[in-house]
């Protein structure tokens, strides 16, 4: 197994909850860790989350004297993919799972990214020059800033 960093937070200001997270065995938004490292791919695919879940529950039991009363998993995008993987492979690990916007069909998903890039760069007039981004952000903020009732003033 590759290295998977796990963070476990206990006794959160008396709120009676604990939280755990993992980097799935790599840092960064690229897949450079994967070629030639099958075990790291397995870590990323499902094992790091399973190991983190099991170890976190053991730490909770040791810290509090018993395991968690309830366990929930919430993930979005790649976390949504993890949520689906966890529900399919280890359905008894959590009492509830939220799989938000799961990035799970990678072949289709990444083919779509390529199509988007090709469409965007096929015509240079379809791109927004970096010099105009600050003006666009300011205009959007002016129009939308207080829609939530809070003036953010970017």
C-alpha atoms as a PDB file:
ATOM      1  CA  UNK A   1       0.000   0.000   0.000  1.00  0.00           C
ATOM      2  CA  UNK A   2       1.216   3.508  -0.746  1.00  0.00           C
ATOM      3  CA  UNK A   3       1.218   6.243   1.858  1.00  0.00           C
ATOM      4  CA  UNK A   4      -2.184   7.781   2.533  1.00  0.00           C
ATOM      5  CA  UNK A   5      -2.241  10.766   4.871  1.00  0.00           C
ATOM      6  CA  UNK A   6      -5.181  10.721   7.256  1.00  0.00           C
ATOM      7  CA  UNK A   7      -6.268  13.508   9.552  1.00  0.00           C
ATOM      8  CA  UNK A   8      -8.519  12.746  12.494  1.00  0.00           C
ATOM      9  CA  UNK A   9     -10.046  15.508  14.612  1.00  0.00           C
ATOM     10  CA  UNK A  10     -11.424  14.579  18.024  1.00  0.00           C
ATOM     11  CA  UNK A  11     -13.280  16.380  20.816  1.00  0.00           C
ATOM     12  CA  UNK A  12     -14.200  19.372  18.673  1.00  0.00           C
ATOM     13  CA  UNK A  13     -15.009  21.933  21.374  1.00  0.00           C
ATOM     14  CA  UNK A  14     -17.399  19.583  23.134  1.00  0.00           C
ATOM     15  CA  UNK A  15     -19.533  19.092  20.017  1.00  0.00           C
ATOM     16  CA  UNK A  16     -19.346  15.305  20.359  1.00  0.00           C
ATOM     17  CA  UNK A  17     -18.182  14.593  16.856  1.00  0.00           C
ATOM     18  CA  UNK A  18     -15.035  13.543  15.110  1.00  0.00           C
ATOM     19  CA  UNK A  19     -13.940  14.065  11.519  1.00  0.00           C
ATOM     20  CA  UNK A  20     -11.375  12.271   9.380  1.00  0.00           C
ATOM     21  CA  UNK A  21      -9.900  12.933   5.964  1.00  0.00           C
ATOM     22  CA  UNK A  22      -7.325  11.478   3.611  1.00  0.00           C
ATOM     23  CA  UNK A  23      -5.251  12.636   0.653  1.00  0.00           C
ATOM     24  CA  UNK A  24      -5.848   9.212  -0.978  1.00  0.00           C
ATOM     25  CA  UNK A  25      -2.120   8.600  -1.103  1.00  0.00           C
ATOM     26  CA  UNK A  26      -0.984  11.555  -3.193  1.00  0.00           C
ATOM     27  CA  UNK A  27      -0.775  15.333  -3.137  1.00  0.00           C
ATOM     28  CA  UNK A  28      -1.751  17.538  -6.042  1.00  0.00           C
ATOM     29  CA  UNK A  29      -4.218  17.560  -8.874  1.00  0.00           C
ATOM     30  CA  UNK A  30      -2.326  15.373 -11.306  1.00  0.00           C
ATOM     31  CA  UNK A  31      -2.011  11.653 -11.888  1.00  0.00           C
ATOM     32  CA  UNK A  32       1.782  11.634 -12.050  1.00  0.00           C
ATOM     33  CA  UNK A  33       1.796   9.298  -9.044  1.00  0.00           C
ATOM     34  CA  UNK A  34      -0.009   6.567 -10.988  1.00  0.00           C
ATOM     35  CA  UNK A  35       2.159   5.232 -13.857  1.00  0.00           C
ATOM     36  CA  UNK A  36       4.056   2.181 -12.655  1.00  0.00           C
ATOM     37  CA  UNK A  37       2.551   2.314  -9.160  1.00  0.00           C
ATOM     38  CA  UNK A  38      -0.441  -0.031  -9.139  1.00  0.00           C
ATOM     39  CA  UNK A  39      -0.746   0.028  -5.338  1.00  0.00           C
ATOM     40  CA  UNK A  40      -1.003   3.836  -5.352  1.00  0.00           C
ATOM     41  CA  UNK A  41      -3.784   3.610  -7.940  1.00  0.00           C
ATOM     42  CA  UNK A  42      -5.617   1.192  -5.635  1.00  0.00           C
ATOM     43  CA  UNK A  43      -5.099   3.634  -2.744  1.00  0.00           C
ATOM     44  CA  UNK A  44      -6.582   6.441  -4.816  1.00  0.00           C
ATOM     45  CA  UNK A  45      -9.388   4.243  -6.119  1.00  0.00           C
ATOM     46  CA  UNK A  46     -10.756   3.022  -2.781  1.00  0.00           C
ATOM     47  CA  UNK A  47      -8.263   1.665  -0.259  1.00  0.00           C
ATOM     48  CA  UNK A  48      -7.109   4.949   1.308  1.00  0.00           C
ATOM     49  CA  UNK A  49     -10.667   5.880   2.237  1.00  0.00           C
ATOM     50  CA  UNK A  50     -11.401   2.407   3.597  1.00  0.00           C
ATOM     51  CA  UNK A  51      -8.221   2.403   5.677  1.00  0.00           C
ATOM     52  CA  UNK A  52      -8.935   5.928   6.946  1.00  0.00           C
ATOM     53  CA  UNK A  53     -12.493   4.949   7.880  1.00  0.00           C
ATOM     54  CA  UNK A  54     -11.404   1.841   9.769  1.00  0.00           C
ATOM     55  CA  UNK A  55      -8.513   3.553  11.547  1.00  0.00           C
ATOM     56  CA  UNK A  56     -10.600   6.618  12.426  1.00  0.00           C
ATOM     57  CA  UNK A  57     -13.273   4.445  14.014  1.00  0.00           C
ATOM     58  CA  UNK A  58     -10.569   2.623  16.021  1.00  0.00           C
ATOM     59  CA  UNK A  59      -9.076   5.932  17.207  1.00  0.00           C
ATOM     60  CA  UNK A  60     -12.549   7.201  18.149  1.00  0.00           C
ATOM     61  CA  UNK A  61     -13.220   4.030  20.138  1.00  0.00           C
ATOM     62  CA  UNK A  62      -9.875   4.353  21.928  1.00  0.00           C
ATOM     63  CA  UNK A  63     -10.370   8.067  22.659  1.00  0.00           C
ATOM     64  CA  UNK A  64     -14.020   7.979  23.757  1.00  0.00           C
ATOM     65  CA  UNK A  65     -14.202   4.419  25.073  1.00  0.00           C
ATOM     66  CA  UNK A  66     -16.646   3.315  22.379  1.00  0.00           C
ATOM     67  CA  UNK A  67     -17.076   3.628  18.646  1.00  0.00           C
ATOM     68  CA  UNK A  68     -19.147   6.284  16.905  1.00  0.00           C
ATOM     69  CA  UNK A  69     -22.921   6.182  17.390  1.00  0.00           C
ATOM     70  CA  UNK A  70     -23.395   7.227  13.756  1.00  0.00           C
ATOM     71  CA  UNK A  71     -21.034   7.617  10.804  1.00  0.00           C
ATOM     72  CA  UNK A  72     -21.640   9.714   7.708  1.00  0.00           C
ATOM     73  CA  UNK A  73     -19.674  10.374   4.552  1.00  0.00           C
ATOM     74  CA  UNK A  74     -20.105  13.487   2.427  1.00  0.00           C
ATOM     75  CA  UNK A  75     -18.169  13.992  -0.786  1.00  0.00           C
ATOM     76  CA  UNK A  76     -18.456  16.003  -3.974  1.00  0.00           C
ATOM     77  CA  UNK A  77     -16.710  15.621  -7.330  1.00  0.00           C
ATOM     78  CA  UNK A  78     -13.909  13.134  -6.635  1.00  0.00           C
ATOM     79  CA  UNK A  79     -15.357  12.847  -3.131  1.00  0.00           C
ATOM     80  CA  UNK A  80     -18.641  11.944  -4.801  1.00  0.00           C
ATOM     81  CA  UNK A  81     -16.821   9.209  -6.677  1.00  0.00           C
ATOM     82  CA  UNK A  82     -15.386   8.046  -3.371  1.00  0.00           C
ATOM     83  CA  UNK A  83     -18.889   8.064  -1.872  1.00  0.00           C
ATOM     84  CA  UNK A  84     -20.190   5.799  -4.638  1.00  0.00           C
ATOM     85  CA  UNK A  85     -17.190   3.495  -4.291  1.00  0.00           C
ATOM     86  CA  UNK A  86     -17.637   3.309  -0.523  1.00  0.00           C
ATOM     87  CA  UNK A  87     -21.376   2.579  -0.834  1.00  0.00           C
ATOM     88  CA  UNK A  88     -20.747  -0.171  -3.380  1.00  0.00           C
ATOM     89  CA  UNK A  89     -17.732  -1.865  -1.794  1.00  0.00           C
ATOM     90  CA  UNK A  90     -18.305  -1.248   1.914  1.00  0.00           C
ATOM     91  CA  UNK A  91     -22.019  -0.545   2.459  1.00  0.00           C
ATOM     92  CA  UNK A  92     -21.814  -1.111   6.220  1.00  0.00           C
ATOM     93  CA  UNK A  93     -19.119   1.523   6.860  1.00  0.00           C
ATOM     94  CA  UNK A  94     -21.496   4.495   7.071  1.00  0.00           C
ATOM     95  CA  UNK A  95     -25.042   5.129   8.241  1.00  0.00           C
ATOM     96  CA  UNK A  96     -25.495   7.687   5.490  1.00  0.00           C
ATOM     97  CA  UNK A  97     -23.583   8.722   2.374  1.00  0.00           C
ATOM     98  CA  UNK A  98     -23.965  11.879   0.294  1.00  0.00           C
ATOM     99  CA  UNK A  99     -22.482  11.512  -3.199  1.00  0.00           C
ATOM    100  CA  UNK A 100     -22.541  15.025  -4.608  1.00  0.00           C
ATOM    101  CA  UNK A 101     -21.706  15.523  -8.300  1.00  0.00           C
ATOM    102  CA  UNK A 102     -19.726  12.278  -8.467  1.00  0.00           C
ATOM    103  CA  UNK A 103     -16.833  12.275 -10.933  1.00  0.00           C
ATOM    104  CA  UNK A 104     -17.197   8.557 -11.533  1.00  0.00           C
ATOM    105  CA  UNK A 105     -17.298   7.893 -15.286  1.00  0.00           C
ATOM    106  CA  UNK A 106     -13.762   9.088 -15.922  1.00  0.00           C
ATOM    107  CA  UNK A 107     -13.426   8.011 -19.543  1.00  0.00           C
ATOM    108  CA  UNK A 108     -16.537   9.953 -20.509  1.00  0.00           C
ATOM    109  CA  UNK A 109     -15.779  12.819 -18.118  1.00  0.00           C
ATOM    110  CA  UNK A 110     -12.239  13.441 -19.307  1.00  0.00           C
ATOM    111  CA  UNK A 111     -13.206  13.002 -22.963  1.00  0.00           C
ATOM    112  CA  UNK A 112     -15.674  15.805 -22.310  1.00  0.00           C
ATOM    113  CA  UNK A 113     -12.885  17.960 -20.883  1.00  0.00           C
ATOM    114  CA  UNK A 114     -10.908  17.487 -24.084  1.00  0.00           C
ATOM    115  CA  UNK A 115     -13.961  18.376 -26.184  1.00  0.00           C
ATOM    116  CA  UNK A 116     -14.442  21.544 -24.102  1.00  0.00           C
ATOM    117  CA  UNK A 117     -10.818  22.574 -24.582  1.00  0.00           C
ATOM    118  CA  UNK A 118     -10.961  21.935 -28.311  1.00  0.00           C
ATOM    119  CA  UNK A 119     -14.148  23.981 -28.637  1.00  0.00           C
ATOM    120  CA  UNK A 120     -12.726  26.777 -26.510  1.00  0.00           C
ATOM    121  CA  UNK A 121      -9.439  27.112 -28.353  1.00  0.00           C
ATOM    122  CA  UNK A 122     -10.696  26.450 -31.897  1.00  0.00           C
ATOM    123  CA  UNK A 123     -11.439  30.158 -32.221  1.00  0.00           C
ATOM    124  CA  UNK A 124      -9.118  32.602 -30.421  1.00  0.00           C
ATOM    125  CA  UNK A 125     -12.029  35.055 -30.147  1.00  0.00           C
ATOM    126  CA  UNK A 126     -13.850  32.599 -27.868  1.00  0.00           C
ATOM    127  CA  UNK A 127     -11.335  32.968 -25.034  1.00  0.00           C
ATOM    128  CA  UNK A 128     -11.355  35.684 -22.384  1.00  0.00           C
ATOM    129  CA  UNK A 129      -7.997  37.459 -22.214  1.00  0.00           C
ATOM    130  CA  UNK A 130      -6.515  37.435 -18.689  1.00  0.00           C
ATOM    131  CA  UNK A 131      -6.342  41.244 -18.761  1.00  0.00           C
ATOM    132  CA  UNK A 132     -10.169  41.382 -18.805  1.00  0.00           C
ATOM    133  CA  UNK A 133     -10.767  38.981 -15.907  1.00  0.00           C
ATOM    134  CA  UNK A 134     -10.563  41.649 -13.168  1.00  0.00           C
ATOM    135  CA  UNK A 135     -13.187  43.796 -14.938  1.00  0.00           C
ATOM    136  CA  UNK A 136     -15.486  40.782 -15.411  1.00  0.00           C
ATOM    137  CA  UNK A 137     -15.126  39.819 -11.733  1.00  0.00           C
ATOM    138  CA  UNK A 138     -15.864  43.392 -10.622  1.00  0.00           C
ATOM    139  CA  UNK A 139     -18.987  43.579 -12.820  1.00  0.00           C
ATOM    140  CA  UNK A 140     -20.267  40.210 -11.612  1.00  0.00           C
ATOM    141  CA  UNK A 141     -19.614  41.126  -7.985  1.00  0.00           C
ATOM    142  CA  UNK A 142     -21.432  44.445  -8.423  1.00  0.00           C
ATOM    143  CA  UNK A 143     -24.479  42.642  -9.845  1.00  0.00           C
ATOM    144  CA  UNK A 144     -24.520  39.657  -7.501  1.00  0.00           C
ATOM    145  CA  UNK A 145     -22.687  40.591  -4.309  1.00  0.00           C
ATOM    146  CA  UNK A 146     -25.652  41.289  -2.053  1.00  0.00           C
ATOM    147  CA  UNK A 147     -28.009  38.593  -3.403  1.00  0.00           C
ATOM    148  CA  UNK A 148     -27.260  36.529  -0.282  1.00  0.00           C
ATOM    149  CA  UNK A 149     -27.942  39.488   1.972  1.00  0.00           C
ATOM    150  CA  UNK A 150     -24.255  39.998   2.785  1.00  0.00           C
ATOM    151  CA  UNK A 151     -22.057  42.657   1.198  1.00  0.00           C
ATOM    152  CA  UNK A 152     -18.737  40.977   0.506  1.00  0.00           C
ATOM    153  CA  UNK A 153     -17.166  43.805  -1.523  1.00  0.00           C
ATOM    154  CA  UNK A 154     -14.534  41.938  -3.497  1.00  0.00           C
END
